Amino acid sequence: MSDETFERPAITGIGRRLVFMVFFMVVLGAVRFVFWAIVAFQFLSHLFTGGVNPNAVTSGARLAEYIYRIMEGAQGSRAKRASATTPAKP
């Protein structure tokens, strides 16, 4: 028998980025589904009652802000990296 020990390789660099990308895509997909469910609920609520549901409006606005922040963060990190690699003009 051999006494070789096997170490599990650590997730580094691109592997870690891939894990986070997949995680946030799953979260974003779930949030988008909930957002459209709230939109459908608001539509049906307005259709049947003739008025808006203030709780649904507040929830929809908060969820839209959450989606915006996720997308802003994804694009913001790219913009920060691009500006960091671009040399400043004298």
PDB file of N, CA and C in Angstrom:
ATOM      1  N   MET A   1       0.838  -1.172   0.000  1.00  0.00           N
ATOM      2  CA  MET A   1       0.000   0.000   0.000  1.00  0.00           C
ATOM      3  C   MET A   1       0.882   1.234   0.000  1.00  0.00           C
ATOM      4  N   SER A   2       0.404   2.226  -0.693  1.00  0.00           N
ATOM      5  CA  SER A   2       1.180   3.453  -0.764  1.00  0.00           C
ATOM      6  C   SER A   2       0.700   4.426   0.310  1.00  0.00           C
ATOM      7  N   ASP A   3       1.631   5.226   0.773  1.00  0.00           N
ATOM      8  CA  ASP A   3       1.325   6.202   1.810  1.00  0.00           C
ATOM      9  C   ASP A   3       1.139   7.599   1.217  1.00  0.00           C
ATOM     10  N   GLU A   4       0.684   7.667  -0.008  1.00  0.00           N
ATOM     11  CA  GLU A   4       0.475   8.948  -0.651  1.00  0.00           C
ATOM     12  C   GLU A   4      -0.767   9.617  -0.067  1.00  0.00           C
ATOM     13  N   THR A   5      -0.653  10.884   0.177  1.00  0.00           N
ATOM     14  CA  THR A   5      -1.816  11.631   0.644  1.00  0.00           C
ATOM     15  C   THR A   5      -2.271  12.548  -0.477  1.00  0.00           C
ATOM     16  N   PHE A   6      -3.540  12.617  -0.628  1.00  0.00           N
ATOM     17  CA  PHE A   6      -4.111  13.453  -1.675  1.00  0.00           C
ATOM     18  C   PHE A   6      -4.764  14.659  -1.012  1.00  0.00           C
ATOM     19  N   GLU A   7      -4.393  15.804  -1.493  1.00  0.00           N
ATOM     20  CA  GLU A   7      -4.998  17.031  -0.998  1.00  0.00           C
ATOM     21  C   GLU A   7      -6.004  17.534  -2.014  1.00  0.00           C
ATOM     22  N   ARG A   8      -7.106  17.978  -1.499  1.00  0.00           N
ATOM     23  CA  ARG A   8      -8.116  18.529  -2.380  1.00  0.00           C
ATOM     24  C   ARG A   8      -7.651  19.907  -2.837  1.00  0.00           C
ATOM     25  N   PRO A   9      -7.670  20.156  -4.133  1.00  0.00           N
ATOM     26  CA  PRO A   9      -7.231  21.473  -4.606  1.00  0.00           C
ATOM     27  C   PRO A   9      -8.206  22.567  -4.155  1.00  0.00           C
ATOM     28  N   ALA A  10      -7.661  23.658  -3.721  1.00  0.00           N
ATOM     29  CA  ALA A  10      -8.479  24.783  -3.288  1.00  0.00           C
ATOM     30  C   ALA A  10      -9.038  25.510  -4.508  1.00  0.00           C
ATOM     31  N   ILE A  11     -10.233  26.035  -4.341  1.00  0.00           N
ATOM     32  CA  ILE A  11     -10.841  26.811  -5.420  1.00  0.00           C
ATOM     33  C   ILE A  11     -10.221  28.203  -5.384  1.00  0.00           C
ATOM     34  N   THR A  12      -9.504  28.523  -6.432  1.00  0.00           N
ATOM     35  CA  THR A  12      -8.862  29.830  -6.491  1.00  0.00           C
ATOM     36  C   THR A  12      -9.145  30.486  -7.822  1.00  0.00           C
ATOM     37  N   GLY A  13      -8.928  31.772  -7.854  1.00  0.00           N
ATOM     38  CA  GLY A  13      -9.004  32.520  -9.109  1.00  0.00           C
ATOM     39  C   GLY A  13     -10.317  32.369  -9.829  1.00  0.00           C
ATOM     40  N   ILE A  14     -10.239  31.812 -11.018  1.00  0.00           N
ATOM     41  CA  ILE A  14     -11.405  31.738 -11.883  1.00  0.00           C
ATOM     42  C   ILE A  14     -12.462  30.788 -11.350  1.00  0.00           C
ATOM     43  N   GLY A  15     -12.046  29.771 -10.615  1.00  0.00           N
ATOM     44  CA  GLY A  15     -13.013  28.847 -10.024  1.00  0.00           C
ATOM     45  C   GLY A  15     -13.902  29.533  -9.014  1.00  0.00           C
ATOM     46  N   ARG A  16     -13.316  30.355  -8.168  1.00  0.00           N
ATOM     47  CA  ARG A  16     -14.093  31.094  -7.163  1.00  0.00           C
ATOM     48  C   ARG A  16     -15.033  32.086  -7.846  1.00  0.00           C
ATOM     49  N   ARG A  17     -14.547  32.758  -8.863  1.00  0.00           N
ATOM     50  CA  ARG A  17     -15.403  33.695  -9.598  1.00  0.00           C
ATOM     51  C   ARG A  17     -16.565  32.969 -10.244  1.00  0.00           C
ATOM     52  N   LEU A  18     -16.313  31.784 -10.782  1.00  0.00           N
ATOM     53  CA  LEU A  18     -17.371  31.000 -11.411  1.00  0.00           C
ATOM     54  C   LEU A  18     -18.426  30.591 -10.395  1.00  0.00           C
ATOM     55  N   VAL A  19     -17.991  30.188  -9.209  1.00  0.00           N
ATOM     56  CA  VAL A  19     -18.934  29.801  -8.156  1.00  0.00           C
ATOM     57  C   VAL A  19     -19.818  30.985  -7.784  1.00  0.00           C
ATOM     58  N   PHE A  20     -19.224  32.167  -7.603  1.00  0.00           N
ATOM     59  CA  PHE A  20     -20.010  33.348  -7.262  1.00  0.00           C
ATOM     60  C   PHE A  20     -20.938  33.749  -8.402  1.00  0.00           C
ATOM     61  N   MET A  21     -20.488  33.634  -9.640  1.00  0.00           N
ATOM     62  CA  MET A  21     -21.337  33.976 -10.777  1.00  0.00           C
ATOM     63  C   MET A  21     -22.562  33.066 -10.826  1.00  0.00           C
ATOM     64  N   VAL A  22     -22.350  31.769 -10.639  1.00  0.00           N
ATOM     65  CA  VAL A  22     -23.468  30.824 -10.663  1.00  0.00           C
ATOM     66  C   VAL A  22     -24.415  31.111  -9.497  1.00  0.00           C
ATOM     67  N   PHE A  23     -23.851  31.369  -8.316  1.00  0.00           N
ATOM     68  CA  PHE A  23     -24.675  31.674  -7.146  1.00  0.00           C
ATOM     69  C   PHE A  23     -25.554  32.897  -7.388  1.00  0.00           C
ATOM     70  N   PHE A  24     -24.961  33.980  -7.884  1.00  0.00           N
ATOM     71  CA  PHE A  24     -25.747  35.187  -8.096  1.00  0.00           C
ATOM     72  C   PHE A  24     -26.726  35.043  -9.249  1.00  0.00           C
ATOM     73  N   MET A  25     -26.431  34.222 -10.229  1.00  0.00           N
ATOM     74  CA  MET A  25     -27.395  33.984 -11.299  1.00  0.00           C
ATOM     75  C   MET A  25     -28.613  33.232 -10.757  1.00  0.00           C
ATOM     76  N   VAL A  26     -28.389  32.281  -9.858  1.00  0.00           N
ATOM     77  CA  VAL A  26     -29.508  31.555  -9.245  1.00  0.00           C
ATOM     78  C   VAL A  26     -30.331  32.512  -8.387  1.00  0.00           C
ATOM     79  N   VAL A  27     -29.661  33.330  -7.577  1.00  0.00           N
ATOM     80  CA  VAL A  27     -30.370  34.297  -6.734  1.00  0.00           C
ATOM     81  C   VAL A  27     -31.142  35.286  -7.596  1.00  0.00           C
ATOM     82  N   LEU A  28     -30.509  35.794  -8.646  1.00  0.00           N
ATOM     83  CA  LEU A  28     -31.177  36.756  -9.520  1.00  0.00           C
ATOM     84  C   LEU A  28     -32.383  36.123 -10.211  1.00  0.00           C
ATOM     85  N   GLY A  29     -32.265  34.879 -10.630  1.00  0.00           N
ATOM     86  CA  GLY A  29     -33.402  34.193 -11.243  1.00  0.00           C
ATOM     87  C   GLY A  29     -34.571  34.044 -10.282  1.00  0.00           C
ATOM     88  N   ALA A  30     -34.277  33.696  -9.038  1.00  0.00           N
ATOM     89  CA  ALA A  30     -35.333  33.568  -8.032  1.00  0.00           C
ATOM     90  C   ALA A  30     -35.977  34.916  -7.743  1.00  0.00           C
ATOM     91  N   VAL A  31     -35.162  35.950  -7.640  1.00  0.00           N
ATOM     92  CA  VAL A  31     -35.692  37.287  -7.358  1.00  0.00           C
ATOM     93  C   VAL A  31     -36.549  37.782  -8.515  1.00  0.00           C
ATOM     94  N   ARG A  32     -36.123  37.523  -9.728  1.00  0.00           N
ATOM     95  CA  ARG A  32     -36.928  37.929 -10.890  1.00  0.00           C
ATOM     96  C   ARG A  32     -38.271  37.205 -10.912  1.00  0.00           C
ATOM     97  N   PHE A  33     -38.266  35.913 -10.552  1.00  0.00           N
ATOM     98  CA  PHE A  33     -39.521  35.161 -10.497  1.00  0.00           C
ATOM     99  C   PHE A  33     -40.464  35.782  -9.468  1.00  0.00           C
ATOM    100  N   VAL A  34     -39.946  36.094  -8.286  1.00  0.00           N
ATOM    101  CA  VAL A  34     -40.767  36.715  -7.242  1.00  0.00           C
ATOM    102  C   VAL A  34     -41.255  38.089  -7.703  1.00  0.00           C
ATOM    103  N   PHE A  35     -40.396  38.834  -8.379  1.00  0.00           N
ATOM    104  CA  PHE A  35     -40.787  40.150  -8.876  1.00  0.00           C
ATOM    105  C   PHE A  35     -41.971  40.040  -9.832  1.00  0.00           C
ATOM    106  N   TRP A  36     -41.901  39.112 -10.783  1.00  0.00           N
ATOM    107  CA  TRP A  36     -43.006  38.968 -11.740  1.00  0.00           C
ATOM    108  C   TRP A  36     -44.257  38.417 -11.069  1.00  0.00           C
ATOM    109  N   ALA A  37     -44.095  37.616 -10.025  1.00  0.00           N
ATOM    110  CA  ALA A  37     -45.262  37.154  -9.267  1.00  0.00           C
ATOM    111  C   ALA A  37     -45.947  38.337  -8.577  1.00  0.00           C
ATOM    112  N   ILE A  38     -45.159  39.270  -8.045  1.00  0.00           N
ATOM    113  CA  ILE A  38     -45.729  40.461  -7.418  1.00  0.00           C
ATOM    114  C   ILE A  38     -46.421  41.334  -8.458  1.00  0.00           C
ATOM    115  N   VAL A  39     -45.819  41.452  -9.638  1.00  0.00           N
ATOM    116  CA  VAL A  39     -46.449  42.233 -10.711  1.00  0.00           C
ATOM    117  C   VAL A  39     -47.798  41.619 -11.092  1.00  0.00           C
ATOM    118  N   ALA A  40     -47.842  40.290 -11.224  1.00  0.00           N
ATOM    119  CA  ALA A  40     -49.096  39.616 -11.562  1.00  0.00           C
ATOM    120  C   ALA A  40     -50.127  39.795 -10.442  1.00  0.00           C
ATOM    121  N   PHE A  41     -49.671  39.715  -9.196  1.00  0.00           N
ATOM    122  CA  PHE A  41     -50.578  39.916  -8.063  1.00  0.00           C
ATOM    123  C   PHE A  41     -51.125  41.336  -8.054  1.00  0.00           C
ATOM    124  N   GLN A  42     -50.277  42.310  -8.326  1.00  0.00           N
ATOM    125  CA  GLN A  42     -50.734  43.710  -8.372  1.00  0.00           C
ATOM    126  C   GLN A  42     -51.777  43.906  -9.469  1.00  0.00           C
ATOM    127  N   PHE A  43     -51.519  43.299 -10.617  1.00  0.00           N
ATOM    128  CA  PHE A  43     -52.454  43.425 -11.736  1.00  0.00           C
ATOM    129  C   PHE A  43     -53.807  42.813 -11.377  1.00  0.00           C
ATOM    130  N   LEU A  44     -53.782  41.599 -10.836  1.00  0.00           N
ATOM    131  CA  LEU A  44     -55.030  40.929 -10.481  1.00  0.00           C
ATOM    132  C   LEU A  44     -55.742  41.648  -9.335  1.00  0.00           C
ATOM    133  N   SER A  45     -54.989  42.141  -8.388  1.00  0.00           N
ATOM    134  CA  SER A  45     -55.570  42.893  -7.274  1.00  0.00           C
ATOM    135  C   SER A  45     -56.253  44.152  -7.781  1.00  0.00           C
ATOM    136  N   HIS A  46     -55.609  44.850  -8.682  1.00  0.00           N
ATOM    137  CA  HIS A  46     -56.198  46.069  -9.249  1.00  0.00           C
ATOM    138  C   HIS A  46     -57.416  45.734 -10.112  1.00  0.00           C
ATOM    139  N   LEU A  47     -57.348  44.629 -10.815  1.00  0.00           N
ATOM    140  CA  LEU A  47     -58.440  44.223 -11.690  1.00  0.00           C
ATOM    141  C   LEU A  47     -59.689  43.879 -10.893  1.00  0.00           C
ATOM    142  N   PHE A  48     -59.522  43.151  -9.787  1.00  0.00           N
ATOM    143  CA  PHE A  48     -60.684  42.686  -9.027  1.00  0.00           C
ATOM    144  C   PHE A  48     -61.164  43.671  -7.966  1.00  0.00           C
ATOM    145  N   THR A  49     -60.276  44.447  -7.377  1.00  0.00           N
ATOM    146  CA  THR A  49     -60.694  45.358  -6.310  1.00  0.00           C
ATOM    147  C   THR A  49     -60.841  46.793  -6.787  1.00  0.00           C
ATOM    148  N   GLY A  50     -60.221  47.129  -7.896  1.00  0.00           N
ATOM    149  CA  GLY A  50     -60.313  48.489  -8.408  1.00  0.00           C
ATOM    150  C   GLY A  50     -59.326  49.442  -7.752  1.00  0.00           C
ATOM    151  N   GLY A  51     -58.475  48.937  -6.891  1.00  0.00           N
ATOM    152  CA  GLY A  51     -57.479  49.780  -6.230  1.00  0.00           C
ATOM    153  C   GLY A  51     -56.150  49.043  -6.137  1.00  0.00           C
ATOM    154  N   VAL A  52     -55.148  49.785  -5.740  1.00  0.00           N
ATOM    155  CA  VAL A  52     -53.826  49.169  -5.614  1.00  0.00           C
ATOM    156  C   VAL A  52     -53.639  48.642  -4.202  1.00  0.00           C
ATOM    157  N   ASN A  53     -52.806  47.633  -4.082  1.00  0.00           N
ATOM    158  CA  ASN A  53     -52.460  47.065  -2.789  1.00  0.00           C
ATOM    159  C   ASN A  53     -51.153  47.726  -2.337  1.00  0.00           C
ATOM    160  N   PRO A  54     -51.181  48.556  -1.302  1.00  0.00           N
ATOM    161  CA  PRO A  54     -49.962  49.285  -0.914  1.00  0.00           C
ATOM    162  C   PRO A  54     -48.825  48.369  -0.475  1.00  0.00           C
ATOM    163  N   ASN A  55     -49.148  47.231   0.125  1.00  0.00           N
ATOM    164  CA  ASN A  55     -48.095  46.288   0.530  1.00  0.00           C
ATOM    165  C   ASN A  55     -47.388  45.705  -0.684  1.00  0.00           C
ATOM    166  N   ALA A  56     -48.138  45.386  -1.729  1.00  0.00           N
ATOM    167  CA  ALA A  56     -47.540  44.834  -2.941  1.00  0.00           C
ATOM    168  C   ALA A  56     -46.710  45.888  -3.659  1.00  0.00           C
ATOM    169  N   VAL A  57     -47.172  47.124  -3.642  1.00  0.00           N
ATOM    170  CA  VAL A  57     -46.412  48.202  -4.279  1.00  0.00           C
ATOM    171  C   VAL A  57     -45.077  48.391  -3.563  1.00  0.00           C
ATOM    172  N   THR A  58     -45.107  48.404  -2.232  1.00  0.00           N
ATOM    173  CA  THR A  58     -43.879  48.561  -1.448  1.00  0.00           C
ATOM    174  C   THR A  58     -42.929  47.391  -1.677  1.00  0.00           C
ATOM    175  N   SER A  59     -43.476  46.177  -1.674  1.00  0.00           N
ATOM    176  CA  SER A  59     -42.638  44.985  -1.898  1.00  0.00           C
ATOM    177  C   SER A  59     -42.020  44.996  -3.285  1.00  0.00           C
ATOM    178  N   GLY A  60     -42.808  45.377  -4.288  1.00  0.00           N
ATOM    179  CA  GLY A  60     -42.289  45.450  -5.655  1.00  0.00           C
ATOM    180  C   GLY A  60     -41.183  46.484  -5.792  1.00  0.00           C
ATOM    181  N   ALA A  61     -41.358  47.628  -5.134  1.00  0.00           N
ATOM    182  CA  ALA A  61     -40.333  48.671  -5.198  1.00  0.00           C
ATOM    183  C   ALA A  61     -39.041  48.216  -4.524  1.00  0.00           C
ATOM    184  N   ARG A  62     -39.157  47.549  -3.393  1.00  0.00           N
ATOM    185  CA  ARG A  62     -37.963  47.056  -2.698  1.00  0.00           C
ATOM    186  C   ARG A  62     -37.255  45.980  -3.506  1.00  0.00           C
ATOM    187  N   LEU A  63     -38.037  45.105  -4.119  1.00  0.00           N
ATOM    188  CA  LEU A  63     -37.439  44.046  -4.936  1.00  0.00           C
ATOM    189  C   LEU A  63     -36.769  44.621  -6.172  1.00  0.00           C
ATOM    190  N   ALA A  64     -37.376  45.628  -6.777  1.00  0.00           N
ATOM    191  CA  ALA A  64     -36.761  46.281  -7.938  1.00  0.00           C
ATOM    192  C   ALA A  64     -35.447  46.950  -7.539  1.00  0.00           C
ATOM    193  N   GLU A  65     -35.409  47.552  -6.357  1.00  0.00           N
ATOM    194  CA  GLU A  65     -34.177  48.162  -5.852  1.00  0.00           C
ATOM    195  C   GLU A  65     -33.104  47.103  -5.625  1.00  0.00           C
ATOM    196  N   TYR A  66     -33.519  45.952  -5.105  1.00  0.00           N
ATOM    197  CA  TYR A  66     -32.582  44.849  -4.862  1.00  0.00           C
ATOM    198  C   TYR A  66     -31.986  44.356  -6.180  1.00  0.00           C
ATOM    199  N   ILE A  67     -32.826  44.183  -7.201  1.00  0.00           N
ATOM    200  CA  ILE A  67     -32.338  43.754  -8.518  1.00  0.00           C
ATOM    201  C   ILE A  67     -31.382  44.797  -9.081  1.00  0.00           C
ATOM    202  N   TYR A  68     -31.734  46.064  -8.934  1.00  0.00           N
ATOM    203  CA  TYR A  68     -30.875  47.144  -9.425  1.00  0.00           C
ATOM    204  C   TYR A  68     -29.511  47.099  -8.743  1.00  0.00           C
ATOM    205  N   ARG A  69     -29.503  46.884  -7.435  1.00  0.00           N
ATOM    206  CA  ARG A  69     -28.238  46.843  -6.692  1.00  0.00           C
ATOM    207  C   ARG A  69     -27.376  45.664  -7.120  1.00  0.00           C
ATOM    208  N   ILE A  70     -27.995  44.521  -7.372  1.00  0.00           N
ATOM    209  CA  ILE A  70     -27.236  43.358  -7.847  1.00  0.00           C
ATOM    210  C   ILE A  70     -26.603  43.665  -9.198  1.00  0.00           C
ATOM    211  N   MET A  71     -27.393  44.220 -10.112  1.00  0.00           N
ATOM    212  CA  MET A  71     -26.873  44.518 -11.442  1.00  0.00           C
ATOM    213  C   MET A  71     -25.836  45.633 -11.392  1.00  0.00           C
ATOM    214  N   GLU A  72     -26.052  46.630 -10.530  1.00  0.00           N
ATOM    215  CA  GLU A  72     -25.102  47.719 -10.379  1.00  0.00           C
ATOM    216  C   GLU A  72     -23.776  47.197  -9.818  1.00  0.00           C
ATOM    217  N   GLY A  73     -23.855  46.284  -8.875  1.00  0.00           N
ATOM    218  CA  GLY A  73     -22.645  45.703  -8.299  1.00  0.00           C
ATOM    219  C   GLY A  73     -21.865  44.901  -9.310  1.00  0.00           C
ATOM    220  N   ALA A  74     -22.564  44.160 -10.159  1.00  0.00           N
ATOM    221  CA  ALA A  74     -21.887  43.365 -11.181  1.00  0.00           C
ATOM    222  C   ALA A  74     -21.199  44.268 -12.198  1.00  0.00           C
ATOM    223  N   GLN A  75     -21.858  45.332 -12.591  1.00  0.00           N
ATOM    224  CA  GLN A  75     -21.269  46.235 -13.560  1.00  0.00           C
ATOM    225  C   GLN A  75     -20.258  47.160 -12.912  1.00  0.00           C
ATOM    226  N   GLY A  76     -20.487  47.501 -11.654  1.00  0.00           N
ATOM    227  CA  GLY A  76     -19.582  48.387 -10.945  1.00  0.00           C
ATOM    228  C   GLY A  76     -18.209  47.770 -10.748  1.00  0.00           C
ATOM    229  N   SER A  77     -18.171  46.470 -10.489  1.00  0.00           N
ATOM    230  CA  SER A  77     -16.876  45.818 -10.298  1.00  0.00           C
ATOM    231  C   SER A  77     -16.088  45.795 -11.600  1.00  0.00           C
ATOM    232  N   ARG A  78     -16.788  45.640 -12.724  1.00  0.00           N
ATOM    233  CA  ARG A  78     -16.100  45.688 -14.015  1.00  0.00           C
ATOM    234  C   ARG A  78     -15.578  47.084 -14.289  1.00  0.00           C
ATOM    235  N   ALA A  79     -16.369  48.098 -13.971  1.00  0.00           N
ATOM    236  CA  ALA A  79     -15.955  49.482 -14.209  1.00  0.00           C
ATOM    237  C   ALA A  79     -14.766  49.850 -13.328  1.00  0.00           C
ATOM    238  N   LYS A  80     -14.755  49.377 -12.092  1.00  0.00           N
ATOM    239  CA  LYS A  80     -13.634  49.668 -11.198  1.00  0.00           C
ATOM    240  C   LYS A  80     -12.355  49.017 -11.710  1.00  0.00           C
ATOM    241  N   ARG A  81     -12.467  47.772 -12.182  1.00  0.00           N
ATOM    242  CA  ARG A  81     -11.279  47.100 -12.720  1.00  0.00           C
ATOM    243  C   ARG A  81     -10.785  47.794 -13.970  1.00  0.00           C
ATOM    244  N   ALA A  82     -11.711  48.239 -14.824  1.00  0.00           N
ATOM    245  CA  ALA A  82     -11.303  48.909 -16.064  1.00  0.00           C
ATOM    246  C   ALA A  82     -10.621  50.236 -15.747  1.00  0.00           C
ATOM    247  N   SER A  83     -11.159  50.972 -14.782  1.00  0.00           N
ATOM    248  CA  SER A  83     -10.544  52.251 -14.456  1.00  0.00           C
ATOM    249  C   SER A  83      -9.208  52.059 -13.739  1.00  0.00           C
ATOM    250  N   ALA A  84      -9.058  50.950 -13.036  1.00  0.00           N
ATOM    251  CA  ALA A  84      -7.806  50.676 -12.326  1.00  0.00           C
ATOM    252  C   ALA A  84      -6.697  50.301 -13.309  1.00  0.00           C
ATOM    253  N   THR A  85      -7.065  49.684 -14.434  1.00  0.00           N
ATOM    254  CA  THR A  85      -6.049  49.276 -15.399  1.00  0.00           C
ATOM    255  C   THR A  85      -5.742  50.377 -16.410  1.00  0.00           C
ATOM    256  N   THR A  86      -6.613  51.363 -16.528  1.00  0.00           N
ATOM    257  CA  THR A  86      -6.402  52.460 -17.457  1.00  0.00           C
ATOM    258  C   THR A  86      -5.494  53.497 -16.794  1.00  0.00           C
ATOM    259  N   PRO A  87      -4.376  53.832 -17.421  1.00  0.00           N
ATOM    260  CA  PRO A  87      -3.489  54.823 -16.809  1.00  0.00           C
ATOM    261  C   PRO A  87      -4.132  56.207 -16.810  1.00  0.00           C
ATOM    262  N   ALA A  88      -3.878  56.938 -15.766  1.00  0.00           N
ATOM    263  CA  ALA A  88      -4.419  58.287 -15.647  1.00  0.00           C
ATOM    264  C   ALA A  88      -3.675  59.222 -16.582  1.00  0.00           C
ATOM    265  N   LYS A  89      -4.419  60.198 -17.126  1.00  0.00           N
ATOM    266  CA  LYS A  89      -3.799  61.187 -18.019  1.00  0.00           C
ATOM    267  C   LYS A  89      -3.114  62.249 -17.187  1.00  0.00           C
ATOM    268  N   PRO A  90      -1.908  62.645 -17.568  1.00  0.00           N
ATOM    269  CA  PRO A  90      -1.205  63.668 -16.780  1.00  0.00           C
ATOM    270  C   PRO A  90      -1.781  65.049 -16.957  1.00  0.00           C
TER     271      PRO A  90
END
